[in-house]
PDB file of N, CA and C in Angstrom:
ATOM      1  N   TYR A   1       0.940  -0.956  -0.071  1.00  0.00           N
ATOM      2  CA  TYR A   1       0.004  -0.432  -0.086  1.00  0.00           C
ATOM      3  C   TYR A   1       0.775   1.511   0.129  1.00  0.00           C
ATOM      4  N   PRO A   2       0.645   2.233  -1.431  1.00  0.00           N
ATOM      5  CA  PRO A   2       1.555   3.306  -1.256  1.00  0.00           C
ATOM      6  C   PRO A   2       1.304   4.482  -0.630  1.00  0.00           C
ATOM      7  N   GLY A   3      -0.050   4.582  -0.102  1.00  0.00           N
ATOM      8  CA  GLY A   3      -0.961   5.804   0.356  1.00  0.00           C
ATOM      9  C   GLY A   3      -0.446   6.176   2.043  1.00  0.00           C
ATOM     10  N   PRO A   4      -0.754   6.992   2.164  1.00  0.00           N
ATOM     11  CA  PRO A   4      -0.915   7.540   3.573  1.00  0.00           C
ATOM     12  C   PRO A   4      -0.982   6.316   4.859  1.00  0.00           C
ATOM     13  N   VAL A   5      -0.148   6.663   5.794  1.00  0.00           N
ATOM     14  CA  VAL A   5      -0.487   5.609   6.861  1.00  0.00           C
ATOM     15  C   VAL A   5      -0.305   6.315   8.383  1.00  0.00           C
ATOM     16  N   LEU A   6      -1.246   6.333   9.016  1.00  0.00           N
ATOM     17  CA  LEU A   6      -1.141   6.701  10.639  1.00  0.00           C
ATOM     18  C   LEU A   6      -0.689   5.492  11.293  1.00  0.00           C
ATOM     19  N   LEU A   7       0.453   5.819  12.174  1.00  0.00           N
ATOM     20  CA  LEU A   7       0.703   4.539  13.319  1.00  0.00           C
ATOM     21  C   LEU A   7       0.539   5.477  14.772  1.00  0.00           C
ATOM     22  N   ILE A   8      -0.030   4.835  15.599  1.00  0.00           N
ATOM     23  CA  ILE A   8      -0.008   5.912  17.235  1.00  0.00           C
ATOM     24  C   ILE A   8       0.638   5.063  18.121  1.00  0.00           C
ATOM     25  N   ARG A   9       2.199   5.556  18.284  1.00  0.00           N
ATOM     26  CA  ARG A   9       2.748   4.595  18.976  1.00  0.00           C
ATOM     27  C   ARG A   9       2.480   4.829  20.621  1.00  0.00           C
ATOM     28  N   ARG A  10       1.896   4.356  21.320  1.00  0.00           N
ATOM     29  CA  ARG A  10       1.946   4.284  22.461  1.00  0.00           C
ATOM     30  C   ARG A  10       2.956   4.271  23.629  1.00  0.00           C
ATOM     31  N   MET A  11       3.161   5.087  24.714  1.00  0.00           N
ATOM     32  CA  MET A  11       4.448   5.229  25.176  1.00  0.00           C
ATOM     33  C   MET A  11       4.357   4.628  26.836  1.00  0.00           C
ATOM     34  N   ARG A  12       2.990   5.115  27.878  1.00  0.00           N
ATOM     35  CA  ARG A  12       2.919   4.683  28.841  1.00  0.00           C
ATOM     36  C   ARG A  12       1.843   3.520  28.962  1.00  0.00           C
ATOM     37  N   ASP A  13       0.919   3.721  28.720  1.00  0.00           N
ATOM     38  CA  ASP A  13      -0.651   2.722  29.062  1.00  0.00           C
ATOM     39  C   ASP A  13      -1.256   2.498  27.982  1.00  0.00           C
ATOM     40  N   GLU A  14      -1.011   1.096  27.859  1.00  0.00           N
ATOM     41  CA  GLU A  14      -2.111   0.253  26.850  1.00  0.00           C
ATOM     42  C   GLU A  14      -1.368  -0.160  25.623  1.00  0.00           C
ATOM     43  N   ILE A  15       0.401  -0.189  26.062  1.00  0.00           N
ATOM     44  CA  ILE A  15       1.118  -0.395  25.109  1.00  0.00           C
ATOM     45  C   ILE A  15       0.885  -2.035  25.009  1.00  0.00           C
ATOM     46  N   ILE A  16       1.546  -2.806  24.115  1.00  0.00           N
ATOM     47  CA  ILE A  16       1.954  -4.134  24.289  1.00  0.00           C
ATOM     48  C   ILE A  16       3.357  -4.298  24.360  1.00  0.00           C
ATOM     49  N   THR A  17       3.822  -4.811  25.047  1.00  0.00           N
ATOM     50  CA  THR A  17       5.095  -5.175  24.737  1.00  0.00           C
ATOM     51  C   THR A  17       5.861  -6.570  25.091  1.00  0.00           C
ATOM     52  N   THR A  18       6.907  -7.035  24.979  1.00  0.00           N
ATOM     53  CA  THR A  18       7.188  -8.504  25.509  1.00  0.00           C
ATOM     54  C   THR A  18       7.689  -8.792  26.858  1.00  0.00           C
ATOM     55  N   VAL A  19       8.298  -7.290  27.055  1.00  0.00           N
ATOM     56  CA  VAL A  19       8.659  -7.209  28.581  1.00  0.00           C
ATOM     57  C   VAL A  19       8.070  -5.995  29.219  1.00  0.00           C
ATOM     58  N   GLU A  20       7.212  -6.230  30.039  1.00  0.00           N
ATOM     59  CA  GLU A  20       6.267  -5.282  30.767  1.00  0.00           C
ATOM     60  C   GLU A  20       7.082  -3.969  31.513  1.00  0.00           C
ATOM     61  N   GLY A  21       6.406  -3.006  31.063  1.00  0.00           N
ATOM     62  CA  GLY A  21       7.054  -1.561  31.742  1.00  0.00           C
ATOM     63  C   GLY A  21       8.555  -1.331  31.110  1.00  0.00           C
ATOM     64  N   ASP A  22       8.796  -2.299  29.255  1.00  0.00           N
ATOM     65  CA  ASP A  22      10.184  -1.847  28.908  1.00  0.00           C
ATOM     66  C   ASP A  22       9.625  -1.203  27.709  1.00  0.00           C
ATOM     67  N   VAL A  23       9.943   0.313  27.308  1.00  0.00           N
ATOM     68  CA  VAL A  23       9.576   0.722  26.476  1.00  0.00           C
ATOM     69  C   VAL A  23      10.414   0.100  25.377  1.00  0.00           C
ATOM     70  N   SER A  24      11.698  -0.171  25.362  1.00  0.00           N
ATOM     71  CA  SER A  24      12.324  -0.836  23.865  1.00  0.00           C
ATOM     72  C   SER A  24      11.705  -2.272  23.662  1.00  0.00           C
ATOM     73  N   SER A  25      10.502  -2.653  24.151  1.00  0.00           N
ATOM     74  CA  SER A  25      10.121  -3.862  23.725  1.00  0.00           C
ATOM     75  C   SER A  25       8.791  -3.540  23.426  1.00  0.00           C
ATOM     76  N   ASN A  26       8.252  -2.447  22.830  1.00  0.00           N
ATOM     77  CA  ASN A  26       7.060  -1.645  22.528  1.00  0.00           C
ATOM     78  C   ASN A  26       6.971  -2.536  21.049  1.00  0.00           C
ATOM     79  N   ARG A  27       5.803  -3.348  21.055  1.00  0.00           N
ATOM     80  CA  ARG A  27       5.532  -4.185  19.537  1.00  0.00           C
ATOM     81  C   ARG A  27       5.628  -3.080  18.388  1.00  0.00           C
ATOM     82  N   GLY A  28       5.296  -2.074  18.608  1.00  0.00           N
ATOM     83  CA  GLY A  28       5.078  -1.102  17.648  1.00  0.00           C
ATOM     84  C   GLY A  28       6.363  -0.572  17.198  1.00  0.00           C
ATOM     85  N   ASN A  29       7.254  -0.758  17.987  1.00  0.00           N
ATOM     86  CA  ASN A  29       8.513  -0.279  17.331  1.00  0.00           C
ATOM     87  C   ASN A  29       8.979  -1.303  16.000  1.00  0.00           C
ATOM     88  N   ASP A  30       8.805  -2.750  16.247  1.00  0.00           N
ATOM     89  CA  ASP A  30       9.122  -3.498  15.130  1.00  0.00           C
ATOM     90  C   ASP A  30       8.313  -3.321  13.990  1.00  0.00           C
ATOM     91  N   LEU A  31       6.575  -3.139  14.321  1.00  0.00           N
ATOM     92  CA  LEU A  31       5.734  -2.483  13.371  1.00  0.00           C
ATOM     93  C   LEU A  31       6.179  -1.110  12.238  1.00  0.00           C
ATOM     94  N   LEU A  32       6.761  -0.429  13.134  1.00  0.00           N
ATOM     95  CA  LEU A  32       7.640   0.979  12.278  1.00  0.00           C
ATOM     96  C   LEU A  32       8.796   0.698  11.737  1.00  0.00           C
ATOM     97  N   VAL A  33       9.366  -0.121  12.167  1.00  0.00           N
ATOM     98  CA  VAL A  33      10.655  -0.423  11.410  1.00  0.00           C
ATOM     99  C   VAL A  33      10.673  -1.286  10.369  1.00  0.00           C
ATOM    100  N   LYS A  34       9.771  -2.080  10.135  1.00  0.00           N
ATOM    101  CA  LYS A  34       9.592  -3.062   9.116  1.00  0.00           C
ATOM    102  C   LYS A  34       8.667  -1.935   8.000  1.00  0.00           C
ATOM    103  N   PHE A  35       7.893  -1.477   8.360  1.00  0.00           N
ATOM    104  CA  PHE A  35       7.444  -0.375   7.747  1.00  0.00           C
ATOM    105  C   PHE A  35       8.139   0.835   7.016  1.00  0.00           C
ATOM    106  N   LEU A  36       9.089   1.415   7.801  1.00  0.00           N
ATOM    107  CA  LEU A  36       9.802   2.179   7.097  1.00  0.00           C
ATOM    108  C   LEU A  36      11.029   1.506   6.136  1.00  0.00           C
ATOM    109  N   LYS A  37      11.305   0.417   6.767  1.00  0.00           N
ATOM    110  CA  LYS A  37      12.424  -0.304   6.092  1.00  0.00           C
ATOM    111  C   LYS A  37      11.616  -1.137   4.584  1.00  0.00           C
ATOM    112  N   PHE A  38      10.190  -1.358   4.505  1.00  0.00           N
ATOM    113  CA  PHE A  38       9.747  -1.779   3.510  1.00  0.00           C
ATOM    114  C   PHE A  38       9.397  -0.208   2.934  1.00  0.00           C
ATOM    115  N   ARG A  39       9.107   0.643   2.913  1.00  0.00           N
ATOM    116  CA  ARG A  39       8.333   2.147   2.392  1.00  0.00           C
ATOM    117  C   ARG A  39       9.584   2.735   1.790  1.00  0.00           C
ATOM    118  N   TYR A  40      10.848   2.551   2.694  1.00  0.00           N
ATOM    119  CA  TYR A  40      11.991   3.355   2.219  1.00  0.00           C
ATOM    120  C   TYR A  40      13.237   2.800   2.203  1.00  0.00           C
ATOM    121  N   PRO A  41      13.427   1.463   0.984  1.00  0.00           N
ATOM    122  CA  PRO A  41      14.392   0.708   1.338  1.00  0.00           C
ATOM    123  C   PRO A  41      15.922   1.266   1.515  1.00  0.00           C
ATOM    124  N   ASN A  42      16.292   2.216   0.873  1.00  0.00           N
ATOM    125  CA  ASN A  42      17.467   3.549   0.614  1.00  0.00           C
ATOM    126  C   ASN A  42      17.604   4.163   2.040  1.00  0.00           C
ATOM    127  N   LEU A  43      16.586   4.563   2.891  1.00  0.00           N
ATOM    128  CA  LEU A  43      17.169   5.120   3.726  1.00  0.00           C
ATOM    129  C   LEU A  43      17.232   4.394   4.694  1.00  0.00           C
ATOM    130  N   VAL A  44      16.572   3.220   5.022  1.00  0.00           N
ATOM    131  CA  VAL A  44      17.188   2.190   6.194  1.00  0.00           C
ATOM    132  C   VAL A  44      18.234   1.612   5.873  1.00  0.00           C
ATOM    133  N   ASP A  45      19.311   1.735   6.137  1.00  0.00           N
ATOM    134  CA  ASP A  45      20.441   0.733   6.111  1.00  0.00           C
ATOM    135  C   ASP A  45      20.789   0.212   7.757  1.00  0.00           C
ATOM    136  N   GLY A  46      21.949  -0.522   8.329  1.00  0.00           N
ATOM    137  CA  GLY A  46      22.244  -0.828   8.961  1.00  0.00           C
ATOM    138  C   GLY A  46      23.078   0.082  10.232  1.00  0.00           C
ATOM    139  N   ASP A  47      23.614   1.541  10.014  1.00  0.00           N
ATOM    140  CA  ASP A  47      23.427   2.307  11.035  1.00  0.00           C
ATOM    141  C   ASP A  47      22.024   3.006  11.144  1.00  0.00           C
ATOM    142  N   SER A  48      21.716   3.379   9.926  1.00  0.00           N
ATOM    143  CA  SER A  48      20.407   3.774  10.420  1.00  0.00           C
ATOM    144  C   SER A  48      19.434   3.340  11.151  1.00  0.00           C
ATOM    145  N   GLU A  49      19.204   2.005  11.005  1.00  0.00           N
ATOM    146  CA  GLU A  49      18.488   1.107  11.823  1.00  0.00           C
ATOM    147  C   GLU A  49      18.969   0.994  13.363  1.00  0.00           C
ATOM    148  N   ASP A  50      20.278   0.864  12.995  1.00  0.00           N
ATOM    149  CA  ASP A  50      20.955   0.848  15.049  1.00  0.00           C
ATOM    150  C   ASP A  50      20.041   2.040  15.481  1.00  0.00           C
ATOM    151  N   ALA A  51      20.240   3.413  14.974  1.00  0.00           N
ATOM    152  CA  ALA A  51      20.012   4.532  15.462  1.00  0.00           C
ATOM    153  C   ALA A  51      18.699   4.549  15.864  1.00  0.00           C
ATOM    154  N   MET A  52      17.769   4.216  14.948  1.00  0.00           N
ATOM    155  CA  MET A  52      16.261   3.945  14.796  1.00  0.00           C
ATOM    156  C   MET A  52      15.760   3.211  16.129  1.00  0.00           C
ATOM    157  N   TRP A  53      16.654   2.153  16.188  1.00  0.00           N
ATOM    158  CA  TRP A  53      16.400   1.317  17.392  1.00  0.00           C
ATOM    159  C   TRP A  53      16.728   1.758  18.956  1.00  0.00           C
ATOM    160  N   GLU A  54      17.601   2.446  18.720  1.00  0.00           N
ATOM    161  CA  GLU A  54      18.298   2.918  20.130  1.00  0.00           C
ATOM    162  C   GLU A  54      16.969   4.230  20.431  1.00  0.00           C
ATOM    163  N   TYR A  55      16.438   5.193  19.595  1.00  0.00           N
ATOM    164  CA  TYR A  55      15.740   6.096  19.625  1.00  0.00           C
ATOM    165  C   TYR A  55      14.487   5.734  20.047  1.00  0.00           C
ATOM    166  N   LEU A  56      13.998   4.611  19.631  1.00  0.00           N
ATOM    167  CA  LEU A  56      12.791   3.949  20.288  1.00  0.00           C
ATOM    168  C   LEU A  56      12.618   3.474  21.291  1.00  0.00           C
ATOM    169  N   ALA A  57      14.299   3.437  22.038  1.00  0.00           N
ATOM    170  CA  ALA A  57      14.342   2.402  23.115  1.00  0.00           C
ATOM    171  C   ALA A  57      14.138   3.872  24.499  1.00  0.00           C
ATOM    172  N   ALA A  58      14.129   4.618  23.680  1.00  0.00           N
ATOM    173  CA  ALA A  58      14.461   5.668  24.768  1.00  0.00           C
ATOM    174  C   ALA A  58      13.450   6.129  25.669  1.00  0.00           C
ATOM    175  N   PRO A  59      13.479   6.183  27.013  1.00  0.00           N
ATOM    176  CA  PRO A  59      12.694   5.852  28.083  1.00  0.00           C
ATOM    177  C   PRO A  59      11.878   7.266  27.684  1.00  0.00           C
ATOM    178  N   ASP A  60      12.370   8.224  27.663  1.00  0.00           N
ATOM    179  CA  ASP A  60      11.550   9.421  27.658  1.00  0.00           C
ATOM    180  C   ASP A  60      12.196  10.668  26.362  1.00  0.00           C
ATOM    181  N   GLN A  61      11.391  12.089  26.633  1.00  0.00           N
ATOM    182  CA  GLN A  61      11.952  12.741  25.401  1.00  0.00           C
ATOM    183  C   GLN A  61      13.181  13.702  25.963  1.00  0.00           C
ATOM    184  N   ALA A  62      13.337  13.421  27.152  1.00  0.00           N
ATOM    185  CA  ALA A  62      14.793  14.341  27.087  1.00  0.00           C
ATOM    186  C   ALA A  62      15.837  13.457  27.060  1.00  0.00           C
ATOM    187  N   THR A  63      15.335  11.725  27.192  1.00  0.00           N
ATOM    188  CA  THR A  63      16.414  11.205  26.911  1.00  0.00           C
ATOM    189  C   THR A  63      16.710  11.552  24.806  1.00  0.00           C
ATOM    190  N   LYS A  64      15.589  11.350  24.159  1.00  0.00           N
ATOM    191  CA  LYS A  64      15.307  11.315  22.775  1.00  0.00           C
ATOM    192  C   LYS A  64      16.123  12.541  22.243  1.00  0.00           C
ATOM    193  N   ARG A  65      15.823  13.622  23.113  1.00  0.00           N
ATOM    194  CA  ARG A  65      16.755  14.943  23.153  1.00  0.00           C
ATOM    195  C   ARG A  65      18.034  14.895  22.832  1.00  0.00           C
ATOM    196  N   ALA A  66      18.405  14.243  23.923  1.00  0.00           N
ATOM    197  CA  ALA A  66      20.062  14.256  24.050  1.00  0.00           C
ATOM    198  C   ALA A  66      20.512  13.720  23.084  1.00  0.00           C
ATOM    199  N   MET A  67      19.826  12.483  22.204  1.00  0.00           N
ATOM    200  CA  MET A  67      20.415  11.967  21.349  1.00  0.00           C
ATOM    201  C   MET A  67      21.404  12.782  20.168  1.00  0.00           C
ATOM    202  N   TRP A  68      20.009  13.898  19.773  1.00  0.00           N
ATOM    203  CA  TRP A  68      20.436  14.971  18.841  1.00  0.00           C
ATOM    204  C   TRP A  68      21.750  15.917  18.991  1.00  0.00           C
ATOM    205  N   GLU A  69      21.546  16.161  19.991  1.00  0.00           N
ATOM    206  CA  GLU A  69      22.701  17.371  20.538  1.00  0.00           C
ATOM    207  C   GLU A  69      23.694  16.764  20.121  1.00  0.00           C
TER     208      GLU A  69
END
């Protein structure tokens, strides 16, 4: 499907995780990474995928902002 897609990634409540309370195991992370790899295959390589997983595993916005400073 090449059209627009809306993903809502929950962070604190009502999230499906493989390890309870661990944001890095949010099942939405896998869905997002697979979607981006399929939709933008030239954008997602080994380095960018590692950075994406690190960003998605960050427990809060302050940690995410610190990654880009």
